[in-house]
């Protein structure tokens, strides 16, 4: 547990990862054509979410897989690290698209349901269900909402009321051996920090709230030690 050394406010707990940037990736599916192995070939199979995926991708919605459908789906999967990258309209692909639609629907009123408190002054809100985060000051929206990438199944970002307790602009993860720029820790080693991968890259982080570089920089400028953080909801697939 040497990863927790030097981080104020972190209690050593067996099985709790301090810093999160890891990814558990599913192995790529390998299909064969004749004697040659073809990795990530386009499938002709119709997926269980075919119509939903076709509609999202603005393809003709007929519920039948075509070569063009497959290529469009495959392009989406490659952009966000969804494997196997074979153009199949499966659960994970549609779940990712559905999350994007929920984020778009949030518009500039992400706290419409009032799940993030408005009586704390400045607070960084994290909605696990929609994979969104924003900063508000009372009822005023200060920044966001922006897409985030939170903890995967078994390493979920913990819910509840938190506070930023330690900040490090260039933090090094001793667990995953990677840099975590603009880290702002708020709960036992879980932090906001920048990553360069897609916010929709499955299965998620090891508990931290991953952010796009520009958003992480903005949070760094807007928050300080002692500021409130509120995490609510449940990430799809956990």
Protein backbone atom coordinates (compact mmCIF):
# COMPACT_ATOMS: atom_id res chain seq x y z
CA UNK A 1 0.00 0.00 0.00
CA UNK A 2 2.92 2.35 -0.58
CA UNK A 3 0.74 4.19 -3.07
CA UNK A 4 -0.91 6.10 -0.25
CA UNK A 5 2.34 7.42 1.19
CA UNK A 6 2.52 11.20 1.19
CA UNK A 7 -1.18 11.85 0.52
CA UNK A 8 -2.76 13.76 3.40
CA UNK A 9 -6.11 12.50 4.62
CA UNK A 10 -5.82 9.01 3.14
CA UNK A 11 -6.31 6.10 5.48
CA UNK A 12 -4.73 2.80 4.53
CA UNK A 13 -7.41 0.31 3.61
CA UNK A 14 -6.74 -3.04 2.06
CA UNK A 15 -8.05 -3.32 -1.47
CA UNK A 16 -8.60 0.41 -2.02
CA UNK A 17 -6.64 1.90 -4.89
CA UNK A 18 -5.24 5.38 -4.36
CA UNK A 19 -4.96 6.78 -7.84
CA UNK A 20 -6.96 5.72 -10.80
CA UNK A 21 -6.06 5.72 -14.42
CA UNK A 22 -6.14 2.01 -15.24
CA UNK A 23 -8.27 0.25 -17.77
CA UNK A 24 -9.37 -3.37 -17.93
CA UNK A 25 -9.79 -3.99 -21.61
CA UNK A 26 -11.66 -6.89 -23.14
CA UNK A 27 -9.58 -8.92 -25.58
CA UNK A 28 -10.16 -8.16 -29.24
CA UNK A 29 -12.20 -10.74 -31.10
CA UNK A 30 -10.29 -12.47 -33.87
CA UNK A 31 -12.23 -13.85 -36.79
CA UNK A 32 -10.78 -16.07 -39.51
CA UNK A 33 -11.39 -15.96 -43.23
CA UNK A 34 -9.93 -19.00 -44.96
CA UNK A 35 -6.44 -19.44 -43.58
CA UNK A 36 -5.81 -15.77 -42.79
CA UNK A 37 -6.71 -14.37 -39.37
CA UNK A 38 -8.65 -11.14 -39.54
CA UNK A 39 -8.73 -9.02 -36.37
CA UNK A 40 -11.69 -6.68 -35.93
CA UNK A 41 -13.44 -7.74 -39.15
CA UNK A 42 -16.87 -6.27 -39.86
CA UNK A 43 -19.71 -8.58 -38.87
CA UNK A 44 -22.83 -9.26 -40.91
CA UNK A 45 -24.79 -10.20 -37.79
CA UNK A 46 -27.75 -8.09 -36.69
CA UNK A 47 -27.38 -6.98 -33.08
CA UNK A 48 -30.09 -6.78 -30.38
CA UNK A 49 -29.89 -2.96 -30.47
CA UNK A 50 -29.73 -2.65 -34.24
CA UNK A 51 -32.54 -0.12 -34.68
CA UNK A 52 -31.38 2.07 -31.79
CA UNK A 53 -27.82 2.12 -33.11
CA UNK A 54 -28.98 2.86 -36.65
CA UNK A 55 -31.07 5.79 -35.41
CA UNK A 56 -28.21 7.19 -33.34
CA UNK A 57 -25.83 6.98 -36.30
CA UNK A 58 -28.45 8.50 -38.63
CA UNK A 59 -28.56 5.35 -40.72
CA UNK A 60 -31.73 3.98 -42.37
CA UNK A 61 -33.65 2.38 -39.49
CA UNK A 62 -34.68 -1.04 -40.76
CA UNK A 63 -33.29 -3.30 -38.04
CA UNK A 64 -31.12 -5.22 -40.48
CA UNK A 65 -27.33 -5.09 -40.53
CA UNK A 66 -25.79 -3.82 -43.76
CA UNK A 67 -22.17 -3.30 -44.73
CA UNK A 68 -22.63 0.47 -44.32
CA UNK A 69 -24.29 0.00 -40.92
CA UNK A 70 -21.39 -2.14 -39.80
CA UNK A 71 -18.75 0.34 -40.94
CA UNK A 72 -20.51 3.25 -39.20
CA UNK A 73 -20.86 1.25 -35.97
CA UNK A 74 -17.27 0.07 -36.19
CA UNK A 75 -16.05 3.65 -36.61
CA UNK A 76 -17.93 4.64 -33.44
CA UNK A 77 -16.49 1.68 -31.52
CA UNK A 78 -12.93 2.47 -32.60
CA UNK A 79 -13.31 6.11 -31.54
CA UNK A 80 -14.27 5.12 -28.01
CA UNK A 81 -12.29 1.92 -27.41
CA UNK A 82 -15.28 -0.44 -27.47
CA UNK A 83 -14.21 -4.03 -28.10
CA UNK A 84 -14.62 -6.24 -29.99
CA UNK A 85 -14.51 -3.62 -32.74
CA UNK A 86 -16.55 -5.55 -35.29
CA UNK A 87 -19.54 -3.25 -35.88
CA UNK A 88 -21.97 -5.34 -33.83
CA UNK A 89 -24.92 -3.43 -32.33
CA UNK A 90 -24.57 -4.93 -28.87
CA UNK A 91 -25.40 -3.82 -25.36
CA UNK A 92 -22.20 -1.90 -24.61
CA UNK A 93 -22.32 0.05 -27.87
CA UNK A 94 -25.94 1.07 -27.33
CA UNK A 95 -25.36 1.83 -23.61
CA UNK A 96 -22.59 4.23 -24.62
CA UNK A 97 -24.83 5.94 -27.17
CA UNK A 98 -27.70 6.13 -24.69
CA UNK A 99 -25.41 7.85 -22.17
CA UNK A 100 -24.45 10.39 -24.83
CA UNK A 101 -28.12 11.09 -25.52
CA UNK A 102 -28.80 11.62 -21.80
CA UNK A 103 -25.87 14.04 -21.61
CA UNK A 104 -27.17 16.00 -24.57
CA UNK A 105 -30.64 16.16 -23.02
CA UNK A 106 -29.17 17.71 -19.85
CA UNK A 107 -28.41 20.88 -21.80
CA UNK A 108 -27.49 23.79 -19.53
CA UNK A 109 -29.74 22.65 -16.70
CA UNK A 110 -28.02 19.49 -15.41
CA UNK A 111 -29.38 19.93 -11.88
CA UNK A 112 -33.03 20.13 -12.93
CA UNK A 113 -33.89 17.21 -10.63
CA UNK A 114 -32.16 18.95 -7.69
CA UNK A 115 -29.94 15.99 -6.81
CA UNK A 116 -26.88 18.19 -6.24
CA UNK A 117 -27.24 20.56 -3.24
CA UNK A 118 -27.72 24.26 -3.86
CA UNK A 119 -27.18 25.40 -0.26
CA UNK A 120 -23.42 24.82 -0.04
CA UNK A 121 -22.07 27.65 -2.14
CA UNK A 122 -19.55 26.35 -4.67
CA UNK A 123 -19.87 22.60 -5.25
CA UNK A 124 -18.56 20.21 -7.89
CA UNK A 125 -21.38 17.83 -8.85
CA UNK A 126 -20.84 14.35 -10.29
CA UNK A 127 -23.81 12.48 -11.77
CA UNK A 128 -22.77 8.85 -12.21
CA UNK A 129 -25.96 7.88 -14.04
CA UNK A 130 -25.40 10.34 -16.88
CA UNK A 131 -21.60 10.40 -16.52
CA UNK A 132 -21.71 14.18 -16.19
CA UNK A 133 -20.02 16.72 -13.94
CA UNK A 134 -20.49 20.45 -13.43
CA UNK A 135 -19.67 23.18 -10.95
CA UNK A 136 -22.37 25.32 -9.44
CA UNK A 137 -22.43 28.15 -6.90
CA UNK A 138 -25.76 27.99 -5.16
CA UNK A 139 -28.26 27.74 -8.01
CA UNK A 140 -25.90 29.33 -10.54
CA UNK A 141 -24.17 27.06 -13.07
CA UNK A 142 -20.49 28.05 -13.10
CA UNK A 143 -19.00 25.45 -15.46
CA UNK A 144 -20.27 22.53 -17.49
CA UNK A 145 -21.90 20.13 -17.66
CA UNK A 146 -19.07 18.04 -19.13
CA UNK A 147 -18.74 14.29 -19.79
CA UNK A 148 -16.65 12.31 -17.31
CA UNK A 149 -15.41 8.74 -16.99
CA UNK A 150 -16.00 7.26 -13.53
CA UNK A 151 -15.26 3.99 -11.74
CA UNK A 152 -15.84 0.65 -13.40
CA UNK A 153 -17.87 -2.22 -11.92
CA UNK A 154 -16.15 -3.32 -8.71
CA UNK A 155 -14.23 -0.02 -8.39
CA UNK A 156 -17.12 2.42 -8.38
CA UNK A 157 -16.72 6.11 -7.62
CA UNK A 158 -18.19 6.41 -4.14
CA UNK A 159 -21.35 8.47 -3.70
CA UNK A 160 -22.17 11.12 -1.11
CA UNK A 161 -20.94 14.47 0.17
CA UNK A 162 -17.15 14.99 -0.08
CA UNK A 163 -14.61 17.81 0.05
CA UNK A 164 -11.48 18.52 -1.96
CA UNK A 165 -8.68 17.75 0.51
CA UNK A 166 -5.48 17.61 -1.55
CA UNK A 167 -4.40 18.92 -4.96
CA UNK A 168 -1.40 18.06 -7.10
CA UNK A 169 -1.05 19.55 -10.57
CA UNK A 170 1.29 16.78 -11.74
CA UNK A 171 0.49 13.70 -9.66
CA UNK A 172 2.21 10.38 -10.35
CA UNK A 173 0.17 7.20 -9.76
CA UNK A 174 2.33 4.68 -7.93
CA UNK A 175 -0.27 1.98 -8.67
CA UNK A 176 -0.74 2.44 -12.42
CA UNK A 177 2.62 4.12 -13.13
CA UNK A 178 1.07 6.99 -15.07
CA UNK A 179 0.76 10.74 -14.67
CA UNK A 180 -2.54 12.12 -13.38
CA UNK A 181 -2.46 15.82 -14.33
CA UNK A 182 -4.56 18.34 -12.39
CA UNK A 183 -5.43 15.87 -9.63
CA UNK A 184 -7.89 17.08 -7.01
CA UNK A 185 -8.53 14.39 -4.40
CA UNK A 186 -11.89 14.33 -2.64
CA UNK A 187 -12.41 10.83 -1.18
CA UNK A 188 -9.81 8.34 0.00
CA UNK A 189 -7.65 8.53 -3.12
CA UNK A 190 -10.43 9.22 -5.61
CA UNK A 191 -9.85 12.41 -7.56
CA UNK A 192 -10.76 14.56 -10.51
CA UNK A 193 -7.92 14.38 -13.03
CA UNK A 194 -7.10 14.65 -16.70
CA UNK A 195 -6.79 11.73 -19.13
CA UNK A 196 -6.31 11.64 -22.89
CA UNK A 197 -8.55 8.66 -23.69
CA UNK A 198 -12.22 8.93 -24.65
CA UNK A 199 -14.65 9.68 -21.81
CA UNK A 200 -16.64 6.67 -23.05
CA UNK A 201 -13.76 4.19 -23.05
CA UNK A 202 -15.01 1.07 -21.22
CA UNK A 203 -15.12 -0.25 -18.62
CA UNK A 204 -14.17 2.95 -16.75
CA UNK A 205 -11.62 4.15 -14.23
CA UNK A 206 -10.57 2.51 -10.98
CA UNK A 207 -12.66 5.05 -9.05
CA UNK A 208 -11.39 8.47 -10.07
CA UNK A 209 -13.41 10.96 -12.09
CA UNK A 210 -11.53 11.14 -15.38
CA UNK A 211 -11.87 14.37 -17.36
CA UNK A 212 -10.82 15.79 -20.71
CA UNK A 213 -7.66 17.93 -20.36
CA UNK A 214 -9.38 21.30 -20.85
CA UNK A 215 -12.12 20.44 -18.36
CA UNK A 216 -9.62 19.23 -15.75
CA UNK A 217 -7.69 22.50 -16.14
CA UNK A 218 -10.88 24.51 -15.67
CA UNK A 219 -11.75 22.56 -12.51
CA UNK A 220 -8.22 23.21 -11.23
CA UNK A 221 -8.76 26.98 -11.58
CA UNK A 222 -12.27 26.96 -10.13
CA UNK A 223 -11.84 24.68 -7.09
CA UNK A 224 -9.66 24.82 -3.99
CA UNK A 225 -9.05 22.74 -0.88
CA UNK A 226 -12.17 22.58 1.25
CA UNK A 227 -14.62 22.99 -1.64
CA UNK A 228 -17.58 20.63 -1.68
CA UNK A 229 -18.00 17.70 -4.04
CA UNK A 230 -21.28 15.80 -4.34
CA UNK A 231 -21.48 12.41 -6.10
CA UNK A 232 -24.82 10.80 -6.84
CA UNK A 233 -26.46 8.21 -9.08
CA UNK A 234 -25.16 4.92 -10.43
CA UNK A 235 -23.02 4.35 -13.49
CA UNK A 236 -24.71 2.23 -16.18
CA UNK A 237 -23.26 -1.27 -16.15
CA UNK A 238 -22.25 -1.26 -12.48
